[in-house]
C-alpha atoms as a PDB file:
ATOM      1  CA  UNK A   1     -20.611   4.811 -12.926  1.00  0.00           C
ATOM      2  CA  UNK A   2     -22.866   3.045 -15.518  1.00  0.00           C
ATOM      3  CA  UNK A   3     -21.380   5.318 -18.186  1.00  0.00           C
ATOM      4  CA  UNK A   4     -17.853   4.389 -17.126  1.00  0.00           C
ATOM      5  CA  UNK A   5     -18.779   0.703 -17.281  1.00  0.00           C
ATOM      6  CA  UNK A   6     -20.029   1.125 -20.850  1.00  0.00           C
ATOM      7  CA  UNK A   7     -16.841   3.027 -21.750  1.00  0.00           C
ATOM      8  CA  UNK A   8     -14.735   0.210 -20.292  1.00  0.00           C
ATOM      9  CA  UNK A   9     -16.618  -2.478 -22.240  1.00  0.00           C
ATOM     10  CA  UNK A  10     -16.253  -0.478 -25.460  1.00  0.00           C
ATOM     11  CA  UNK A  11     -12.546  -0.015 -24.727  1.00  0.00           C
ATOM     12  CA  UNK A  12     -12.108  -3.766 -24.289  1.00  0.00           C
ATOM     13  CA  UNK A  13     -13.749  -4.469 -27.666  1.00  0.00           C
ATOM     14  CA  UNK A  14     -11.607  -1.838 -29.389  1.00  0.00           C
ATOM     15  CA  UNK A  15      -8.444  -2.967 -27.625  1.00  0.00           C
ATOM     16  CA  UNK A  16      -8.565  -6.580 -28.815  1.00  0.00           C
ATOM     17  CA  UNK A  17      -8.743  -5.351 -32.410  1.00  0.00           C
ATOM     18  CA  UNK A  18      -5.623  -3.180 -32.347  1.00  0.00           C
ATOM     19  CA  UNK A  19      -2.135  -4.453 -33.073  1.00  0.00           C
ATOM     20  CA  UNK A  20       0.089  -5.497 -35.945  1.00  0.00           C
ATOM     21  CA  UNK A  21      -2.991  -7.209 -37.434  1.00  0.00           C
ATOM     22  CA  UNK A  22      -6.034  -4.923 -37.252  1.00  0.00           C
ATOM     23  CA  UNK A  23      -9.448  -6.451 -36.611  1.00  0.00           C
ATOM     24  CA  UNK A  24     -12.640  -4.378 -36.798  1.00  0.00           C
ATOM     25  CA  UNK A  25     -14.762  -3.929 -33.648  1.00  0.00           C
ATOM     26  CA  UNK A  26     -17.618  -5.875 -35.305  1.00  0.00           C
ATOM     27  CA  UNK A  27     -15.375  -8.860 -36.018  1.00  0.00           C
ATOM     28  CA  UNK A  28     -13.873  -8.592 -32.539  1.00  0.00           C
ATOM     29  CA  UNK A  29     -17.363  -8.774 -31.041  1.00  0.00           C
ATOM     30  CA  UNK A  30     -18.212 -11.838 -33.144  1.00  0.00           C
ATOM     31  CA  UNK A  31     -15.060 -13.636 -32.019  1.00  0.00           C
ATOM     32  CA  UNK A  32     -15.581 -12.728 -28.354  1.00  0.00           C
ATOM     33  CA  UNK A  33     -19.213 -13.789 -28.612  1.00  0.00           C
ATOM     34  CA  UNK A  34     -18.148 -17.101 -30.145  1.00  0.00           C
ATOM     35  CA  UNK A  35     -15.951 -17.915 -27.132  1.00  0.00           C
ATOM     36  CA  UNK A  36     -18.043 -16.370 -24.373  1.00  0.00           C
ATOM     37  CA  UNK A  37     -21.576 -17.169 -25.535  1.00  0.00           C
ATOM     38  CA  UNK A  38     -21.041 -19.965 -28.038  1.00  0.00           C
ATOM     39  CA  UNK A  39     -22.385 -17.987 -31.006  1.00  0.00           C
ATOM     40  CA  UNK A  40     -21.500 -18.950 -34.572  1.00  0.00           C
ATOM     41  CA  UNK A  41     -18.715 -17.071 -36.351  1.00  0.00           C
ATOM     42  CA  UNK A  42     -20.869 -16.700 -39.459  1.00  0.00           C
ATOM     43  CA  UNK A  43     -21.932 -18.393 -42.683  1.00  0.00           C
ATOM     44  CA  UNK A  44     -20.193 -16.266 -45.291  1.00  0.00           C
ATOM     45  CA  UNK A  45     -17.158 -18.283 -46.454  1.00  0.00           C
ATOM     46  CA  UNK A  46     -14.708 -15.401 -46.929  1.00  0.00           C
ATOM     47  CA  UNK A  47     -15.746 -13.667 -43.733  1.00  0.00           C
ATOM     48  CA  UNK A  48     -15.624 -16.889 -41.735  1.00  0.00           C
ATOM     49  CA  UNK A  49     -12.140 -17.661 -43.051  1.00  0.00           C
ATOM     50  CA  UNK A  50     -10.870 -14.229 -41.945  1.00  0.00           C
ATOM     51  CA  UNK A  51     -12.513 -14.613 -38.543  1.00  0.00           C
ATOM     52  CA  UNK A  52     -11.012 -18.055 -38.068  1.00  0.00           C
ATOM     53  CA  UNK A  53      -7.579 -16.652 -38.904  1.00  0.00           C
ATOM     54  CA  UNK A  54      -8.022 -13.783 -36.445  1.00  0.00           C
ATOM     55  CA  UNK A  55      -9.586 -15.955 -33.765  1.00  0.00           C
ATOM     56  CA  UNK A  56      -6.304 -17.229 -32.332  1.00  0.00           C
ATOM     57  CA  UNK A  57      -4.764 -13.753 -32.328  1.00  0.00           C
ATOM     58  CA  UNK A  58      -7.678 -12.173 -30.488  1.00  0.00           C
ATOM     59  CA  UNK A  59      -8.664 -14.917 -28.049  1.00  0.00           C
ATOM     60  CA  UNK A  60      -5.236 -16.367 -27.252  1.00  0.00           C
ATOM     61  CA  UNK A  61      -3.087 -13.220 -27.231  1.00  0.00           C
ATOM     62  CA  UNK A  62      -5.058  -9.978 -27.119  1.00  0.00           C
ATOM     63  CA  UNK A  63      -8.058 -10.912 -24.987  1.00  0.00           C
ATOM     64  CA  UNK A  64      -6.059 -12.100 -21.939  1.00  0.00           C
ATOM     65  CA  UNK A  65      -3.727  -9.138 -22.406  1.00  0.00           C
ATOM     66  CA  UNK A  66      -6.668  -6.729 -22.361  1.00  0.00           C
ATOM     67  CA  UNK A  67      -8.239  -8.444 -19.342  1.00  0.00           C
ATOM     68  CA  UNK A  68      -4.912  -8.207 -17.532  1.00  0.00           C
ATOM     69  CA  UNK A  69      -4.742  -4.515 -18.431  1.00  0.00           C
ATOM     70  CA  UNK A  70      -8.203  -3.979 -16.953  1.00  0.00           C
ATOM     71  CA  UNK A  71      -7.278  -5.529 -13.618  1.00  0.00           C
ATOM     72  CA  UNK A  72      -3.773  -4.070 -13.458  1.00  0.00           C
ATOM     73  CA  UNK A  73      -5.106  -0.570 -14.118  1.00  0.00           C
ATOM     74  CA  UNK A  74      -7.886  -1.021 -11.581  1.00  0.00           C
ATOM     75  CA  UNK A  75      -5.515  -2.473  -8.980  1.00  0.00           C
ATOM     76  CA  UNK A  76      -2.982   0.335  -9.319  1.00  0.00           C
ATOM     77  CA  UNK A  77      -5.713   2.971  -9.119  1.00  0.00           C
ATOM     78  CA  UNK A  78      -7.260   1.432  -5.988  1.00  0.00           C
ATOM     79  CA  UNK A  79      -3.810   1.109  -4.393  1.00  0.00           C
ATOM     80  CA  UNK A  80      -3.264   4.796  -5.143  1.00  0.00           C
ATOM     81  CA  UNK A  81      -6.529   5.669  -3.416  1.00  0.00           C
ATOM     82  CA  UNK A  82      -5.429   3.656  -0.375  1.00  0.00           C
ATOM     83  CA  UNK A  83      -1.985   5.193  -0.077  1.00  0.00           C
ATOM     84  CA  UNK A  84      -3.138   8.760  -0.583  1.00  0.00           C
ATOM     85  CA  UNK A  85      -5.588   8.175   2.258  1.00  0.00           C
ATOM     86  CA  UNK A  86      -3.068   6.436   4.525  1.00  0.00           C
ATOM     87  CA  UNK A  87      -0.294   9.028   4.255  1.00  0.00           C
ATOM     88  CA  UNK A  88      -2.710  11.938   3.695  1.00  0.00           C
ATOM     89  CA  UNK A  89      -0.648  13.145   0.761  1.00  0.00           C
ATOM     90  CA  UNK A  90      -2.147  13.700  -2.690  1.00  0.00           C
ATOM     91  CA  UNK A  91       1.210  12.989  -4.343  1.00  0.00           C
ATOM     92  CA  UNK A  92       1.505   9.469  -2.924  1.00  0.00           C
ATOM     93  CA  UNK A  93       1.293   6.557  -5.338  1.00  0.00           C
ATOM     94  CA  UNK A  94       1.637   2.748  -5.110  1.00  0.00           C
ATOM     95  CA  UNK A  95       5.394   2.847  -5.659  1.00  0.00           C
ATOM     96  CA  UNK A  96       6.214   5.208  -2.814  1.00  0.00           C
ATOM     97  CA  UNK A  97       6.325   2.314  -0.327  1.00  0.00           C
ATOM     98  CA  UNK A  98       8.954   0.276  -2.146  1.00  0.00           C
ATOM     99  CA  UNK A  99       6.656  -2.638  -2.992  1.00  0.00           C
ATOM    100  CA  UNK A 100       7.319  -2.372  -6.717  1.00  0.00           C
ATOM    101  CA  UNK A 101      11.048  -2.189  -6.015  1.00  0.00           C
ATOM    102  CA  UNK A 102      10.799  -5.477  -4.145  1.00  0.00           C
ATOM    103  CA  UNK A 103       8.928  -7.062  -7.038  1.00  0.00           C
ATOM    104  CA  UNK A 104      11.591  -5.748  -9.398  1.00  0.00           C
ATOM    105  CA  UNK A 105      14.334  -7.409  -7.356  1.00  0.00           C
ATOM    106  CA  UNK A 106      12.462 -10.721  -7.475  1.00  0.00           C
ATOM    107  CA  UNK A 107      11.903 -10.480 -11.213  1.00  0.00           C
ATOM    108  CA  UNK A 108      15.463  -9.371 -11.922  1.00  0.00           C
ATOM    109  CA  UNK A 109      16.839 -12.259  -9.853  1.00  0.00           C
ATOM    110  CA  UNK A 110      14.628 -14.738 -11.716  1.00  0.00           C
ATOM    111  CA  UNK A 111      15.685 -13.403 -15.128  1.00  0.00           C
ATOM    112  CA  UNK A 112      19.403 -12.850 -14.559  1.00  0.00           C
ATOM    113  CA  UNK A 113      19.997 -15.925 -12.397  1.00  0.00           C
ATOM    114  CA  UNK A 114      17.856 -18.167 -14.583  1.00  0.00           C
ATOM    115  CA  UNK A 115      14.089 -18.609 -14.591  1.00  0.00           C
ATOM    116  CA  UNK A 116      13.100 -22.156 -13.809  1.00  0.00           C
ATOM    117  CA  UNK A 117      16.345 -23.088 -12.068  1.00  0.00           C
ATOM    118  CA  UNK A 118      17.120 -23.663  -8.434  1.00  0.00           C
ATOM    119  CA  UNK A 119      14.346 -22.924  -5.972  1.00  0.00           C
ATOM    120  CA  UNK A 120      11.983 -21.814  -8.743  1.00  0.00           C
ATOM    121  CA  UNK A 121      12.364 -24.935 -10.885  1.00  0.00           C
ATOM    122  CA  UNK A 122       9.073 -26.437  -9.720  1.00  0.00           C
ATOM    123  CA  UNK A 123       7.200 -23.267 -10.705  1.00  0.00           C
ATOM    124  CA  UNK A 124       7.873 -23.678 -14.419  1.00  0.00           C
ATOM    125  CA  UNK A 125       6.302 -20.926 -16.526  1.00  0.00           C
ATOM    126  CA  UNK A 126       5.154 -19.074 -13.391  1.00  0.00           C
ATOM    127  CA  UNK A 127       8.646 -18.662 -11.930  1.00  0.00           C
ATOM    128  CA  UNK A 128       9.017 -15.007 -12.959  1.00  0.00           C
ATOM    129  CA  UNK A 129       5.642 -13.950 -11.559  1.00  0.00           C
ATOM    130  CA  UNK A 130       6.117 -15.898  -8.349  1.00  0.00           C
ATOM    131  CA  UNK A 131       9.600 -14.489  -7.776  1.00  0.00           C
ATOM    132  CA  UNK A 132       8.306 -10.969  -8.327  1.00  0.00           C
ATOM    133  CA  UNK A 133       5.402 -11.471  -5.929  1.00  0.00           C
ATOM    134  CA  UNK A 134       7.692 -12.931  -3.252  1.00  0.00           C
ATOM    135  CA  UNK A 135       9.969  -9.923  -3.679  1.00  0.00           C
ATOM    136  CA  UNK A 136       6.973  -7.627  -3.169  1.00  0.00           C
ATOM    137  CA  UNK A 137       6.017  -9.463   0.027  1.00  0.00           C
ATOM    138  CA  UNK A 138       9.562  -9.207   1.395  1.00  0.00           C
ATOM    139  CA  UNK A 139       9.647  -5.489   0.602  1.00  0.00           C
ATOM    140  CA  UNK A 140       6.301  -5.013   2.352  1.00  0.00           C
ATOM    141  CA  UNK A 141       7.564  -6.798   5.447  1.00  0.00           C
ATOM    142  CA  UNK A 142      10.698  -4.641   5.474  1.00  0.00           C
ATOM    143  CA  UNK A 143       8.704  -1.421   5.194  1.00  0.00           C
ATOM    144  CA  UNK A 144       6.320  -2.414   7.991  1.00  0.00           C
ATOM    145  CA  UNK A 145       9.196  -3.567  10.192  1.00  0.00           C
ATOM    146  CA  UNK A 146      11.164  -0.345   9.727  1.00  0.00           C
ATOM    147  CA  UNK A 147       8.083   1.847  10.231  1.00  0.00           C
ATOM    148  CA  UNK A 148       7.082   0.054  13.447  1.00  0.00           C
ATOM    149  CA  UNK A 149      10.607  -0.223  14.863  1.00  0.00           C
ATOM    150  CA  UNK A 150      10.729   3.454  15.819  1.00  0.00           C
ATOM    151  CA  UNK A 151       7.535   3.301  17.866  1.00  0.00           C
ATOM    152  CA  UNK A 152       4.101   4.448  16.800  1.00  0.00           C
ATOM    153  CA  UNK A 153       3.028   3.437  13.299  1.00  0.00           C
ATOM    154  CA  UNK A 154       2.466   6.873  11.733  1.00  0.00           C
ATOM    155  CA  UNK A 155       2.002   8.052   8.163  1.00  0.00           C
ATOM    156  CA  UNK A 156       5.309   9.949   8.214  1.00  0.00           C
ATOM    157  CA  UNK A 157       7.312   6.934   9.404  1.00  0.00           C
ATOM    158  CA  UNK A 158       5.581   4.753   6.851  1.00  0.00           C
ATOM    159  CA  UNK A 159       6.433   7.143   4.025  1.00  0.00           C
ATOM    160  CA  UNK A 160      10.076   7.490   5.047  1.00  0.00           C
ATOM    161  CA  UNK A 161      10.477   3.728   5.493  1.00  0.00           C
ATOM    162  CA  UNK A 162       8.987   3.099   2.058  1.00  0.00           C
ATOM    163  CA  UNK A 163      11.297   5.583   0.371  1.00  0.00           C
ATOM    164  CA  UNK A 164      14.384   4.168   2.113  1.00  0.00           C
ATOM    165  CA  UNK A 165      13.538   0.535   1.364  1.00  0.00           C
ATOM    166  CA  UNK A 166      12.585   1.431  -2.222  1.00  0.00           C
ATOM    167  CA  UNK A 167      15.922   3.092  -2.935  1.00  0.00           C
ATOM    168  CA  UNK A 168      17.864   0.188  -1.399  1.00  0.00           C
ATOM    169  CA  UNK A 169      15.969  -2.408  -3.443  1.00  0.00           C
ATOM    170  CA  UNK A 170      16.275  -0.351  -6.629  1.00  0.00           C
ATOM    171  CA  UNK A 171      20.035  -0.335  -6.103  1.00  0.00           C
ATOM    172  CA  UNK A 172      19.966  -4.125  -5.708  1.00  0.00           C
ATOM    173  CA  UNK A 173      18.038  -4.475  -8.968  1.00  0.00           C
ATOM    174  CA  UNK A 174      20.586  -2.282 -10.749  1.00  0.00           C
ATOM    175  CA  UNK A 175      23.393  -4.419  -9.335  1.00  0.00           C
ATOM    176  CA  UNK A 176      21.767  -7.615 -10.653  1.00  0.00           C
ATOM    177  CA  UNK A 177      21.460  -6.079 -14.116  1.00  0.00           C
ATOM    178  CA  UNK A 178      25.034  -4.797 -14.043  1.00  0.00           C
ATOM    179  CA  UNK A 179      26.433  -8.115 -12.802  1.00  0.00           C
ATOM    180  CA  UNK A 180      24.604 -10.158 -15.440  1.00  0.00           C
ATOM    181  CA  UNK A 181      26.827 -11.449 -18.236  1.00  0.00           C
ATOM    182  CA  UNK A 182      23.879 -11.842 -20.605  1.00  0.00           C
ATOM    183  CA  UNK A 183      22.846  -8.879 -22.720  1.00  0.00           C
ATOM    184  CA  UNK A 184      19.491 -10.549 -23.428  1.00  0.00           C
ATOM    185  CA  UNK A 185      18.786 -11.002 -19.706  1.00  0.00           C
ATOM    186  CA  UNK A 186      19.624  -7.368 -19.000  1.00  0.00           C
ATOM    187  CA  UNK A 187      17.341  -6.244 -21.832  1.00  0.00           C
ATOM    188  CA  UNK A 188      14.533  -8.453 -20.519  1.00  0.00           C
ATOM    189  CA  UNK A 189      14.878  -6.962 -17.034  1.00  0.00           C
ATOM    190  CA  UNK A 190      14.795  -3.410 -18.364  1.00  0.00           C
ATOM    191  CA  UNK A 191      11.736  -4.123 -20.524  1.00  0.00           C
ATOM    192  CA  UNK A 192       9.976  -5.682 -17.524  1.00  0.00           C
ATOM    193  CA  UNK A 193      10.909  -2.728 -15.283  1.00  0.00           C
ATOM    194  CA  UNK A 194       9.248  -0.364 -17.770  1.00  0.00           C
ATOM    195  CA  UNK A 195       6.025  -2.378 -17.655  1.00  0.00           C
ATOM    196  CA  UNK A 196       4.446  -4.783 -20.107  1.00  0.00           C
ATOM    197  CA  UNK A 197       1.272  -6.835 -20.415  1.00  0.00           C
ATOM    198  CA  UNK A 198       2.984  -9.340 -22.678  1.00  0.00           C
ATOM    199  CA  UNK A 199       3.003 -12.128 -20.066  1.00  0.00           C
ATOM    200  CA  UNK A 200      -0.794 -12.349 -20.083  1.00  0.00           C
ATOM    201  CA  UNK A 201      -2.441 -15.701 -20.780  1.00  0.00           C
ATOM    202  CA  UNK A 202      -5.546 -17.600 -19.707  1.00  0.00           C
ATOM    203  CA  UNK A 203      -3.821 -19.135 -16.695  1.00  0.00           C
ATOM    204  CA  UNK A 204      -3.647 -19.148 -12.915  1.00  0.00           C
ATOM    205  CA  UNK A 205      -1.707 -15.881 -12.427  1.00  0.00           C
ATOM    206  CA  UNK A 206      -4.318 -13.890 -14.363  1.00  0.00           C
ATOM    207  CA  UNK A 207      -7.083 -15.378 -12.208  1.00  0.00           C
ATOM    208  CA  UNK A 208      -5.070 -14.569  -9.075  1.00  0.00           C
ATOM    209  CA  UNK A 209      -4.688 -10.931 -10.133  1.00  0.00           C
ATOM    210  CA  UNK A 210      -8.407 -10.647 -10.948  1.00  0.00           C
ATOM    211  CA  UNK A 211      -9.485 -12.145  -7.607  1.00  0.00           C
ATOM    212  CA  UNK A 212      -7.030  -9.959  -5.660  1.00  0.00           C
ATOM    213  CA  UNK A 213      -8.179  -6.748  -7.349  1.00  0.00           C
ATOM    214  CA  UNK A 214     -11.898  -7.513  -7.036  1.00  0.00           C
ATOM    215  CA  UNK A 215     -11.637  -8.472  -3.369  1.00  0.00           C
ATOM    216  CA  UNK A 216      -9.337  -5.531  -2.610  1.00  0.00           C
ATOM    217  CA  UNK A 217     -11.760  -3.086  -4.217  1.00  0.00           C
ATOM    218  CA  UNK A 218     -14.706  -4.577  -2.322  1.00  0.00           C
ATOM    219  CA  UNK A 219     -12.862  -4.421   1.014  1.00  0.00           C
ATOM    220  CA  UNK A 220     -11.873  -0.808   0.439  1.00  0.00           C
ATOM    221  CA  UNK A 221     -15.474   0.127  -0.364  1.00  0.00           C
ATOM    222  CA  UNK A 222     -16.587  -1.471   2.924  1.00  0.00           C
ATOM    223  CA  UNK A 223     -13.901   0.485   4.775  1.00  0.00           C
ATOM    224  CA  UNK A 224     -14.841   3.724   2.987  1.00  0.00           C
ATOM    225  CA  UNK A 225     -16.355   5.530   6.008  1.00  0.00           C
ATOM    226  CA  UNK A 226     -13.291   4.665   8.105  1.00  0.00           C
ATOM    227  CA  UNK A 227     -10.989   6.127   5.456  1.00  0.00           C
ATOM    228  CA  UNK A 228     -13.139   9.255   5.367  1.00  0.00           C
ATOM    229  CA  UNK A 229     -12.657   9.635   9.122  1.00  0.00           C
ATOM    230  CA  UNK A 230      -8.912   9.030   8.824  1.00  0.00           C
ATOM    231  CA  UNK A 231      -8.626  12.020   6.490  1.00  0.00           C
ATOM    232  CA  UNK A 232      -9.555  14.350   9.350  1.00  0.00           C
ATOM    233  CA  UNK A 233      -6.650  13.154  11.499  1.00  0.00           C
ATOM    234  CA  UNK A 234      -5.924  10.483  14.072  1.00  0.00           C
ATOM    235  CA  UNK A 235      -7.630  12.355  16.912  1.00  0.00           C
ATOM    236  CA  UNK A 236     -10.884  12.586  14.991  1.00  0.00           C
ATOM    237  CA  UNK A 237     -10.687   8.917  14.084  1.00  0.00           C
ATOM    238  CA  UNK A 238     -10.140   7.959  17.723  1.00  0.00           C
ATOM    239  CA  UNK A 239     -13.234   9.884  18.812  1.00  0.00           C
ATOM    240  CA  UNK A 240     -15.235   7.819  16.302  1.00  0.00           C
ATOM    241  CA  UNK A 241     -13.987   4.553  17.763  1.00  0.00           C
ATOM    242  CA  UNK A 242     -11.403   3.892  15.028  1.00  0.00           C
ATOM    243  CA  UNK A 243      -7.876   2.793  15.871  1.00  0.00           C
ATOM    244  CA  UNK A 244      -5.745   4.679  13.316  1.00  0.00           C
ATOM    245  CA  UNK A 245      -2.614   2.539  13.722  1.00  0.00           C
ATOM    246  CA  UNK A 246      -4.475  -0.725  13.199  1.00  0.00           C
ATOM    247  CA  UNK A 247      -6.477   0.674  10.280  1.00  0.00           C
ATOM    248  CA  UNK A 248      -3.363   2.116   8.665  1.00  0.00           C
ATOM    249  CA  UNK A 249      -1.528  -1.199   8.974  1.00  0.00           C
ATOM    250  CA  UNK A 250      -4.452  -3.135   7.499  1.00  0.00           C
ATOM    251  CA  UNK A 251      -4.722  -0.715   4.589  1.00  0.00           C
ATOM    252  CA  UNK A 252      -0.992  -0.977   3.983  1.00  0.00           C
ATOM    253  CA  UNK A 253      -1.204  -4.773   3.834  1.00  0.00           C
ATOM    254  CA  UNK A 254      -4.111  -4.505   1.385  1.00  0.00           C
ATOM    255  CA  UNK A 255      -2.194  -2.048  -0.787  1.00  0.00           C
ATOM    256  CA  UNK A 256       0.904  -4.252  -0.762  1.00  0.00           C
ATOM    257  CA  UNK A 257      -1.111  -7.283  -1.863  1.00  0.00           C
ATOM    258  CA  UNK A 258      -2.680  -5.297  -4.705  1.00  0.00           C
ATOM    259  CA  UNK A 259       0.581  -3.799  -5.927  1.00  0.00           C
ATOM    260  CA  UNK A 260       2.494  -7.047  -5.480  1.00  0.00           C
ATOM    261  CA  UNK A 261      -0.044  -9.005  -7.510  1.00  0.00           C
ATOM    262  CA  UNK A 262      -0.242  -6.569 -10.428  1.00  0.00           C
ATOM    263  CA  UNK A 263       3.483  -5.747 -10.560  1.00  0.00           C
ATOM    264  CA  UNK A 264       4.327  -9.453 -10.544  1.00  0.00           C
ATOM    265  CA  UNK A 265       2.328  -9.854 -13.769  1.00  0.00           C
ATOM    266  CA  UNK A 266       2.896  -6.529 -15.528  1.00  0.00           C
ATOM    267  CA  UNK A 267       6.082  -4.969 -14.207  1.00  0.00           C
ATOM    268  CA  UNK A 268       6.505  -1.463 -12.857  1.00  0.00           C
ATOM    269  CA  UNK A 269       3.843   0.718 -14.495  1.00  0.00           C
ATOM    270  CA  UNK A 270       3.955   4.201 -13.039  1.00  0.00           C
ATOM    271  CA  UNK A 271       1.620   7.186 -12.743  1.00  0.00           C
ATOM    272  CA  UNK A 272      -1.665   5.240 -12.874  1.00  0.00           C
ATOM    273  CA  UNK A 273      -1.959   5.176  -9.091  1.00  0.00           C
ATOM    274  CA  UNK A 274      -1.066   8.875  -8.912  1.00  0.00           C
ATOM    275  CA  UNK A 275      -3.174  10.294 -11.725  1.00  0.00           C
ATOM    276  CA  UNK A 276      -6.379   8.259 -11.562  1.00  0.00           C
ATOM    277  CA  UNK A 277      -7.435   9.002  -7.945  1.00  0.00           C
ATOM    278  CA  UNK A 278      -7.319  12.733  -8.717  1.00  0.00           C
ATOM    279  CA  UNK A 279      -9.453  12.299 -11.822  1.00  0.00           C
ATOM    280  CA  UNK A 280     -11.930  10.195  -9.844  1.00  0.00           C
ATOM    281  CA  UNK A 281     -12.183  12.816  -7.086  1.00  0.00           C
ATOM    282  CA  UNK A 282     -13.110  15.431  -9.665  1.00  0.00           C
ATOM    283  CA  UNK A 283     -15.962  13.211 -10.847  1.00  0.00           C
ATOM    284  CA  UNK A 284     -17.464  11.968  -7.561  1.00  0.00           C
ATOM    285  CA  UNK A 285     -15.747  13.843  -4.732  1.00  0.00           C
ATOM    286  CA  UNK A 286     -13.651  12.478  -1.887  1.00  0.00           C
ATOM    287  CA  UNK A 287     -16.005   9.958  -0.214  1.00  0.00           C
ATOM    288  CA  UNK A 288     -14.119   6.680  -0.531  1.00  0.00           C
ATOM    289  CA  UNK A 289     -17.147   4.421  -0.933  1.00  0.00           C
ATOM    290  CA  UNK A 290     -17.981   6.213  -4.198  1.00  0.00           C
ATOM    291  CA  UNK A 291     -14.393   7.110  -5.087  1.00  0.00           C
ATOM    292  CA  UNK A 292     -13.040   3.545  -5.059  1.00  0.00           C
ATOM    293  CA  UNK A 293     -15.129   1.921  -7.847  1.00  0.00           C
ATOM    294  CA  UNK A 294     -14.859   5.005 -10.057  1.00  0.00           C
ATOM    295  CA  UNK A 295     -11.075   5.045  -9.653  1.00  0.00           C
ATOM    296  CA  UNK A 296     -10.950   1.315 -10.482  1.00  0.00           C
ATOM    297  CA  UNK A 297     -12.934   1.811 -13.704  1.00  0.00           C
ATOM    298  CA  UNK A 298     -10.903   4.861 -14.740  1.00  0.00           C
ATOM    299  CA  UNK A 299      -7.654   3.009 -14.070  1.00  0.00           C
ATOM    300  CA  UNK A 300      -8.804   0.091 -16.198  1.00  0.00           C
ATOM    301  CA  UNK A 301      -9.783   2.364 -19.105  1.00  0.00           C
ATOM    302  CA  UNK A 302      -6.564   4.387 -18.909  1.00  0.00           C
ATOM    303  CA  UNK A 303      -4.273   1.367 -18.927  1.00  0.00           C
ATOM    304  CA  UNK A 304      -6.162  -0.317 -21.775  1.00  0.00           C
ATOM    305  CA  UNK A 305      -5.706   2.770 -23.943  1.00  0.00           C
ATOM    306  CA  UNK A 306      -2.067   3.039 -22.893  1.00  0.00           C
ATOM    307  CA  UNK A 307      -1.570  -0.565 -24.002  1.00  0.00           C
ATOM    308  CA  UNK A 308      -3.247   0.195 -27.333  1.00  0.00           C
ATOM    309  CA  UNK A 309      -0.673   2.935 -27.828  1.00  0.00           C
ATOM    310  CA  UNK A 310       2.146   0.611 -26.763  1.00  0.00           C
ATOM    311  CA  UNK A 311       1.122  -1.947 -29.393  1.00  0.00           C
ATOM    312  CA  UNK A 312       0.403   0.381 -32.297  1.00  0.00           C
ATOM    313  CA  UNK A 313       2.694   3.424 -32.207  1.00  0.00           C
ATOM    314  CA  UNK A 314       5.747   1.502 -33.461  1.00  0.00           C
ATOM    315  CA  UNK A 315       4.005  -1.667 -34.703  1.00  0.00           C
ATOM    316  CA  UNK A 316       5.093  -4.387 -35.095  1.00  0.00           C
ATOM    317  CA  UNK A 317       7.568  -3.409 -32.371  1.00  0.00           C
ATOM    318  CA  UNK A 318       6.044  -3.033 -28.902  1.00  0.00           C
ATOM    319  CA  UNK A 319       6.735  -0.084 -26.585  1.00  0.00           C
ATOM    320  CA  UNK A 320       6.765  -0.780 -22.821  1.00  0.00           C
ATOM    321  CA  UNK A 321       3.416   0.408 -21.529  1.00  0.00           C
ATOM    322  CA  UNK A 322       5.091   2.216 -18.628  1.00  0.00           C
ATOM    323  CA  UNK A 323       6.556   4.675 -21.124  1.00  0.00           C
ATOM    324  CA  UNK A 324       3.078   5.551 -22.364  1.00  0.00           C
ATOM    325  CA  UNK A 325       1.662   6.053 -18.854  1.00  0.00           C
ATOM    326  CA  UNK A 326       4.662   8.216 -17.946  1.00  0.00           C
ATOM    327  CA  UNK A 327       4.181  10.385 -21.044  1.00  0.00           C
ATOM    328  CA  UNK A 328       0.552  10.911 -20.020  1.00  0.00           C
ATOM    329  CA  UNK A 329       1.148  11.166 -16.283  1.00  0.00           C
ATOM    330  CA  UNK A 330       4.109  13.538 -16.188  1.00  0.00           C
ATOM    331  CA  UNK A 331       2.248  16.539 -17.691  1.00  0.00           C
ATOM    332  CA  UNK A 332      -0.678  15.801 -15.369  1.00  0.00           C
ATOM    333  CA  UNK A 333       1.662  15.839 -12.364  1.00  0.00           C
ATOM    334  CA  UNK A 334       3.106  19.188 -13.441  1.00  0.00           C
ATOM    335  CA  UNK A 335      -0.411  20.565 -13.834  1.00  0.00           C
ATOM    336  CA  UNK A 336      -1.364  19.248 -10.396  1.00  0.00           C
ATOM    337  CA  UNK A 337       1.683  20.830  -8.726  1.00  0.00           C
ATOM    338  CA  UNK A 338       0.964  24.134 -10.480  1.00  0.00           C
ATOM    339  CA  UNK A 339      -2.657  24.075  -9.332  1.00  0.00           C
ATOM    340  CA  UNK A 340      -1.650  23.262  -5.741  1.00  0.00           C
ATOM    341  CA  UNK A 341       0.815  26.144  -5.750  1.00  0.00           C
ATOM    342  CA  UNK A 342      -1.825  28.535  -7.145  1.00  0.00           C
ATOM    343  CA  UNK A 343      -4.393  27.465  -4.520  1.00  0.00           C
ATOM    344  CA  UNK A 344      -1.850  27.854  -1.713  1.00  0.00           C
ATOM    345  CA  UNK A 345      -0.897  31.384  -2.782  1.00  0.00           C
END
């Protein structure tokens, strides 16, 4: 864990230097130190001039983007840990419950119907994020309602409800894009659906995401022993004084809040919640109290590097970060399925 923390800090320093304008790690550290610790940028005239020119790029654009990437990656990874424990399926990820589809509907409605108009007018610059988060909450409520309507709140019903609601909301998003008469709006929706950290800024939504992810990670660590018991089945959990239905519902709400918060800011970024929990288990095992913080750190590192690739591979043009995570995650998923098949045979 200390090593992962050092790796994450080094990744942050490297990340703020990459982009259309390259800044060395040493200069990046001096600029970050100037804003965070009040240190001087330097006395050399030429060097100070370059640093002053790069200061706005790093502190105003790249630093909040990197911080958002840290918390989005951590949030998706922790949500993946939760859902794989709740449904007891190693192939579950944060998007299996339809929460991201709900956020996509909210974002698509805000973009195609006009951000800052109607009911969202008072929200100003935060209209897109707020609409996406409200869509995630509605999707969560639908999934819980459908899963509980049939009787006992089980992992199987939860999974099936999430898939059904997710497909329905994805169809609604596609309809909004198709019905839009603005090519620019449709392009904006598609770019957002593929994931991007471009909305990051030093503002309230970034703070909200950070607080949600930190609190969610802390809560999951406290509930770690209960999740460990849940892995052995509902009967085992009951003998230990744990109510599986209530625990499963609480974990679902926590996962929905995490996914809703990060998707509202960064769009639909796939594979992080699927890949990272498996990598974390190989490092520290399956005990959730140790697994959760390691998964959060790995998710943060992975998404920061994915964003570096998104900014630099076709610079100055930016690639949606979800494309990068999919390119990394898809081979990993194939490898995982192959290994599961080999172990089963």
